[in-house]
Amino acid sequence: MSQKKAMLIDVTLCVGCNACQGACKEENQLPPSDEKYLSLTAFTALSKYNDLYIRRMCQHCDVPTCVSVCPVGALTKMEAGPVAYDGEKCIGCRYCLQACPFHVPKYEWSSTQPRIQKCKFCASRLAQGRPPACAEACPTGATKFGDRDGLLAEAAGRISAEPTKFVPRIYGRDDVGGTSMLYISPVPFEQLGFDARLGKTPLPMLTMSALSKVPNVLSVGGVMLGGIWWITNRRSEVQAFEATEKKNRPSRHEDNP
């Protein structure tokens, strides 16, 4: 049995208490506040769809697209499951932001030494044999931590035992090649904001297949032009970002439609 770790999120058990977000913020020394969207200060967020709550965070893909596009190795996939980030290596190219199928990484646009921020899957706690802070804090068992193979078996067992309660699918089992975050739900995942178009093929494999048909000179030229574009346009991007942040700040805590 694989010792790869994962978390099982049972949507039927989540009551929207935000204990997971509070524990995450405390663990990562982030400002305490309830946030409904992933941000530089919220590595996990709780969205509400009708009467159901769904957690958002890095999915820690088994074959991460963000890792495959990082040109300096700032992102790596650890054997235990976490996709780890090394800010000392990061050059701020933002390829990971564009590549992530779940739109997770957030960029410090206004920083003079910008980095990305995202869920770390509490890699330091895992190394100590401890569960992630969010799973430990969950009062209802909606988020459960354990070995991925065991959680997959448990999820399948719950669905089999109560087929009218759950849709017959474990999201994350093989989506985009599999993820460390697994979900079971009483409604189709599309109704919870999940992208049904992603498929089961790891996205880096699709990228490599496409790039293999592009001459090297075009690939290198594209990277160089992209770098020049980034350098000359970063100031205007930061100004636009700051203007948007200022405009949206009063409505930060409004409910999802």
Protein backbone atom coordinates (compact mmCIF):
# COMPACT_ATOMS: atom_id res chain seq x y z
CA MET A 1 0.00 0.00 0.00
CA SER A 2 1.26 3.48 -0.90
CA GLN A 3 2.14 5.80 1.99
CA LYS A 4 1.14 8.86 0.00
CA LYS A 5 -1.03 11.08 2.18
CA ALA A 6 -4.32 12.71 1.28
CA MET A 7 -7.40 14.34 2.74
CA LEU A 8 -10.98 13.21 2.21
CA ILE A 9 -13.57 15.99 2.20
CA ASP A 10 -17.13 14.74 2.75
CA VAL A 11 -19.38 17.58 1.60
CA THR A 12 -22.35 16.14 3.49
CA LEU A 13 -20.56 16.61 6.83
CA CYS A 14 -19.34 20.18 6.39
CA VAL A 15 -21.36 22.72 8.41
CA GLY A 16 -19.47 25.81 7.27
CA CYS A 17 -17.96 26.56 10.68
CA ASN A 18 -14.67 27.79 9.18
CA ALA A 19 -12.62 25.96 11.80
CA CYS A 20 -10.41 24.68 8.97
CA GLN A 21 -9.64 28.18 7.75
CA GLY A 22 -8.99 29.44 11.26
CA ALA A 23 -6.56 26.61 11.97
CA CYS A 24 -4.83 27.17 8.63
CA LYS A 25 -4.39 30.86 9.33
CA GLU A 26 -3.00 30.20 12.78
CA GLU A 27 -0.59 27.54 11.48
CA ASN A 28 0.67 29.82 8.70
CA GLN A 29 0.61 33.03 10.77
CA LEU A 30 -1.96 34.72 8.54
CA PRO A 31 -4.31 37.49 9.69
CA PRO A 32 -7.48 36.09 11.31
CA SER A 33 -10.59 36.71 9.21
CA ASP A 34 -13.23 34.68 7.38
CA GLU A 35 -12.49 34.73 3.65
CA LYS A 36 -14.64 33.17 0.95
CA TYR A 37 -12.00 33.16 -1.78
CA LEU A 38 -8.40 31.96 -1.98
CA SER A 39 -5.99 34.84 -1.54
CA LEU A 40 -2.55 35.77 -0.24
CA THR A 41 -3.99 35.54 3.28
CA ALA A 42 -6.34 32.56 2.79
CA PHE A 43 -4.80 29.24 1.77
CA THR A 44 -8.16 27.52 2.20
CA ALA A 45 -11.59 29.04 1.64
CA LEU A 46 -15.16 27.90 2.09
CA SER A 47 -17.72 28.48 -0.66
CA LYS A 48 -21.46 27.91 -0.28
CA TYR A 49 -23.64 26.42 -3.00
CA ASN A 50 -27.28 26.36 -1.92
CA ASP A 51 -27.15 24.44 1.37
CA LEU A 52 -23.74 22.85 0.78
CA TYR A 53 -20.26 24.07 1.69
CA ILE A 54 -17.18 23.19 -0.31
CA ARG A 55 -13.54 23.73 0.63
CA ARG A 56 -11.08 25.27 -1.82
CA MET A 57 -7.32 24.81 -1.52
CA CYS A 58 -4.36 23.51 -3.49
CA GLN A 59 -5.24 20.02 -4.72
CA HIS A 60 -1.61 18.84 -4.54
CA CYS A 61 -1.90 16.96 -7.82
CA ASP A 62 -0.09 13.65 -8.26
CA VAL A 63 1.38 15.00 -11.52
CA PRO A 64 1.35 18.76 -10.92
CA THR A 65 1.25 21.08 -13.90
CA CYS A 66 2.75 23.87 -11.80
CA VAL A 67 5.82 21.74 -11.11
CA SER A 68 6.22 20.84 -14.77
CA VAL A 69 6.23 24.47 -15.95
CA CYS A 70 8.48 25.96 -13.24
CA PRO A 71 11.81 26.70 -14.98
CA VAL A 72 13.86 26.91 -11.76
CA GLY A 73 12.50 24.05 -9.63
CA ALA A 74 10.81 26.33 -7.11
CA LEU A 75 7.89 23.87 -6.99
CA THR A 76 8.41 20.18 -6.27
CA LYS A 77 6.17 17.19 -5.62
CA MET A 78 7.08 15.48 -2.34
CA GLU A 79 6.78 11.73 -1.94
CA ALA A 80 4.26 12.11 0.90
CA GLY A 81 1.94 14.19 -1.27
CA PRO A 82 2.51 17.94 -0.78
CA VAL A 83 3.47 20.19 -3.67
CA ALA A 84 6.16 22.23 -1.94
CA TYR A 85 7.24 25.77 -2.84
CA ASP A 86 10.72 27.27 -2.35
CA GLY A 87 10.47 31.05 -2.44
CA GLU A 88 14.27 31.40 -2.54
CA LYS A 89 14.35 29.79 -5.97
CA CYS A 90 11.27 31.55 -7.38
CA ILE A 91 11.96 34.16 -10.10
CA GLY A 92 8.37 35.41 -10.30
CA CYS A 93 7.67 34.17 -13.83
CA ARG A 94 4.09 33.25 -12.84
CA TYR A 95 3.97 30.24 -15.16
CA CYS A 96 2.46 28.27 -12.28
CA LEU A 97 -0.45 30.71 -12.06
CA GLN A 98 -1.26 30.18 -15.71
CA ALA A 99 -0.75 26.42 -15.59
CA CYS A 100 -2.76 25.50 -12.49
CA PRO A 101 -6.09 23.96 -13.58
CA PHE A 102 -7.63 24.90 -10.22
CA HIS A 103 -6.46 28.57 -10.22
CA VAL A 104 -4.82 28.16 -6.82
CA PRO A 105 -1.47 30.02 -6.59
CA LYS A 106 -1.72 33.70 -5.66
CA TYR A 107 1.00 36.20 -6.53
CA GLU A 108 2.35 39.03 -4.39
CA TRP A 109 1.90 41.66 -7.09
CA SER A 110 2.70 44.66 -4.91
CA SER A 111 5.82 43.19 -3.28
CA THR A 112 9.32 44.27 -4.31
CA GLN A 113 10.32 40.60 -4.00
CA PRO A 114 7.12 38.85 -5.04
CA ARG A 115 6.44 35.21 -4.27
CA ILE A 116 3.45 32.95 -4.68
CA GLN A 117 1.27 31.79 -1.82
CA LYS A 118 -0.83 28.65 -1.55
CA CYS A 119 -1.73 25.76 0.73
CA LYS A 120 1.38 23.85 1.84
CA PHE A 121 -0.51 20.70 2.91
CA CYS A 122 1.24 21.36 6.25
CA ALA A 123 4.35 19.57 4.96
CA SER A 124 6.30 20.35 8.15
CA ARG A 125 3.56 18.77 10.28
CA LEU A 126 3.44 15.71 8.03
CA ALA A 127 7.20 15.30 8.46
CA GLN A 128 6.59 15.16 12.23
CA GLY A 129 3.86 12.55 11.85
CA ARG A 130 1.11 15.07 12.56
CA PRO A 131 -2.03 15.74 10.49
CA PRO A 132 -2.62 19.03 8.68
CA ALA A 133 -3.95 21.76 10.95
CA CYS A 134 -7.26 21.99 9.08
CA ALA A 135 -8.01 18.27 9.40
CA GLU A 136 -7.10 18.28 13.08
CA ALA A 137 -9.44 21.22 13.72
CA CYS A 138 -12.50 19.91 11.84
CA PRO A 139 -15.19 19.19 14.49
CA THR A 140 -17.46 17.08 12.26
CA GLY A 141 -14.99 14.86 10.42
CA ALA A 142 -15.80 16.55 7.13
CA THR A 143 -12.06 16.73 6.46
CA LYS A 144 -10.20 13.51 7.22
CA PHE A 145 -6.47 12.95 6.82
CA GLY A 146 -4.74 9.64 6.14
CA ASP A 147 -3.08 7.38 3.59
CA ARG A 148 -4.48 8.05 0.12
CA ASP A 149 -5.22 4.41 -0.66
CA GLY A 150 -7.06 3.98 2.63
CA LEU A 151 -9.10 7.15 2.13
CA LEU A 152 -10.06 6.06 -1.38
CA ALA A 153 -11.29 2.76 0.04
CA GLU A 154 -13.21 4.56 2.78
CA ALA A 155 -14.79 6.97 0.30
CA ALA A 156 -15.87 4.09 -1.94
CA GLY A 157 -17.30 2.32 1.11
CA ARG A 158 -19.35 5.35 2.14
CA ILE A 159 -20.77 5.69 -1.36
CA SER A 160 -21.56 1.97 -1.56
CA ALA A 161 -23.22 1.95 1.86
CA GLU A 162 -25.44 4.95 1.07
CA PRO A 163 -25.87 5.12 -2.72
CA THR A 164 -28.82 7.51 -2.46
CA LYS A 165 -26.81 9.95 -0.34
CA PHE A 166 -23.79 10.34 -2.62
CA VAL A 167 -23.17 10.66 -6.34
CA PRO A 168 -21.13 7.65 -7.54
CA ARG A 169 -17.86 9.52 -7.94
CA ILE A 170 -14.77 10.34 -5.88
CA TYR A 171 -13.46 13.63 -7.19
CA GLY A 172 -9.66 13.61 -7.25
CA ARG A 173 -9.24 9.86 -7.58
CA ASP A 174 -8.09 10.17 -11.17
CA ASP A 175 -9.04 13.72 -12.19
CA VAL A 176 -6.04 15.34 -13.94
CA GLY A 177 -4.15 12.16 -13.06
CA GLY A 178 -5.19 12.14 -9.41
CA THR A 179 -4.88 14.58 -6.51
CA SER A 180 -4.18 14.51 -2.78
CA MET A 181 -7.53 16.15 -2.06
CA LEU A 182 -10.46 13.75 -2.45
CA TYR A 183 -14.13 14.73 -2.36
CA ILE A 184 -17.45 12.93 -2.06
CA SER A 185 -20.69 14.80 -2.55
CA PRO A 186 -24.49 14.40 -2.62
CA VAL A 187 -24.72 16.40 -5.87
CA PRO A 188 -22.75 16.40 -9.15
CA PHE A 189 -19.46 18.21 -8.68
CA GLU A 190 -20.27 20.63 -11.47
CA GLN A 191 -22.93 22.06 -9.16
CA LEU A 192 -20.19 22.83 -6.63
CA GLY A 193 -18.07 24.82 -9.05
CA PHE A 194 -15.72 22.05 -10.15
CA ASP A 195 -14.53 22.12 -13.77
CA ALA A 196 -15.92 19.08 -15.56
CA ARG A 197 -13.70 19.64 -18.60
CA LEU A 198 -10.38 18.74 -17.01
CA GLY A 199 -10.51 15.01 -17.74
CA LYS A 200 -8.29 12.28 -16.31
CA THR A 201 -5.05 12.81 -18.24
CA PRO A 202 -2.32 14.60 -16.25
CA LEU A 203 -2.09 18.03 -17.85
CA PRO A 204 1.74 18.02 -18.14
CA MET A 205 1.40 15.07 -20.52
CA LEU A 206 -0.89 17.10 -22.75
CA THR A 207 1.55 20.00 -22.65
CA MET A 208 4.55 17.84 -23.52
CA SER A 209 2.62 16.29 -26.39
CA ALA A 210 1.89 19.73 -27.81
CA LEU A 211 5.41 21.09 -27.28
CA SER A 212 6.97 18.09 -28.99
CA LYS A 213 5.46 19.39 -32.23
CA VAL A 214 6.94 22.89 -31.82
CA PRO A 215 10.49 23.60 -33.14
CA ASN A 216 12.97 24.40 -30.35
CA VAL A 217 13.81 27.78 -31.82
CA LEU A 218 10.18 28.86 -31.50
CA SER A 219 9.97 27.61 -27.91
CA VAL A 220 13.15 29.44 -26.84
CA GLY A 221 12.13 32.56 -28.72
CA GLY A 222 8.74 32.51 -27.07
CA VAL A 223 10.29 32.30 -23.60
CA MET A 224 12.64 35.20 -24.33
CA LEU A 225 9.86 37.39 -25.68
CA GLY A 226 7.70 36.45 -22.71
CA GLY A 227 10.48 37.54 -20.35
CA ILE A 228 10.88 40.88 -22.10
CA TRP A 229 7.12 41.44 -22.02
CA TRP A 230 6.98 40.67 -18.29
CA ILE A 231 9.79 43.10 -17.44
CA THR A 232 8.33 45.98 -19.43
CA ASN A 233 4.74 45.49 -18.29
CA ARG A 234 5.05 44.60 -14.60
CA ARG A 235 4.60 48.17 -13.38
CA SER A 236 1.28 48.63 -15.18
CA GLU A 237 0.09 45.21 -13.95
CA VAL A 238 0.85 46.13 -10.34
CA GLN A 239 -0.96 49.45 -10.70
CA ALA A 240 -4.01 47.73 -12.21
CA PHE A 241 -4.00 45.09 -9.46
CA GLU A 242 -3.78 47.68 -6.69
CA ALA A 243 -6.59 49.71 -8.25
CA THR A 244 -8.82 46.60 -8.44
CA GLU A 245 -8.00 45.63 -4.85
CA LYS A 246 -8.89 49.10 -3.61
CA LYS A 247 -12.16 49.12 -5.56
CA ASN A 248 -13.25 45.67 -4.34
CA ARG A 249 -12.10 45.97 -0.73
CA PRO A 250 -15.49 47.07 0.74
CA SER A 251 -17.30 44.02 -0.67
CA ARG A 252 -14.70 41.47 0.41
CA HIS A 253 -17.04 39.51 2.67
CA GLU A 254 -20.15 39.43 0.51
CA ASP A 255 -21.75 35.99 0.04
CA ASN A 256 -21.32 34.00 -3.12
CA PRO A 257 -24.19 34.39 -5.57
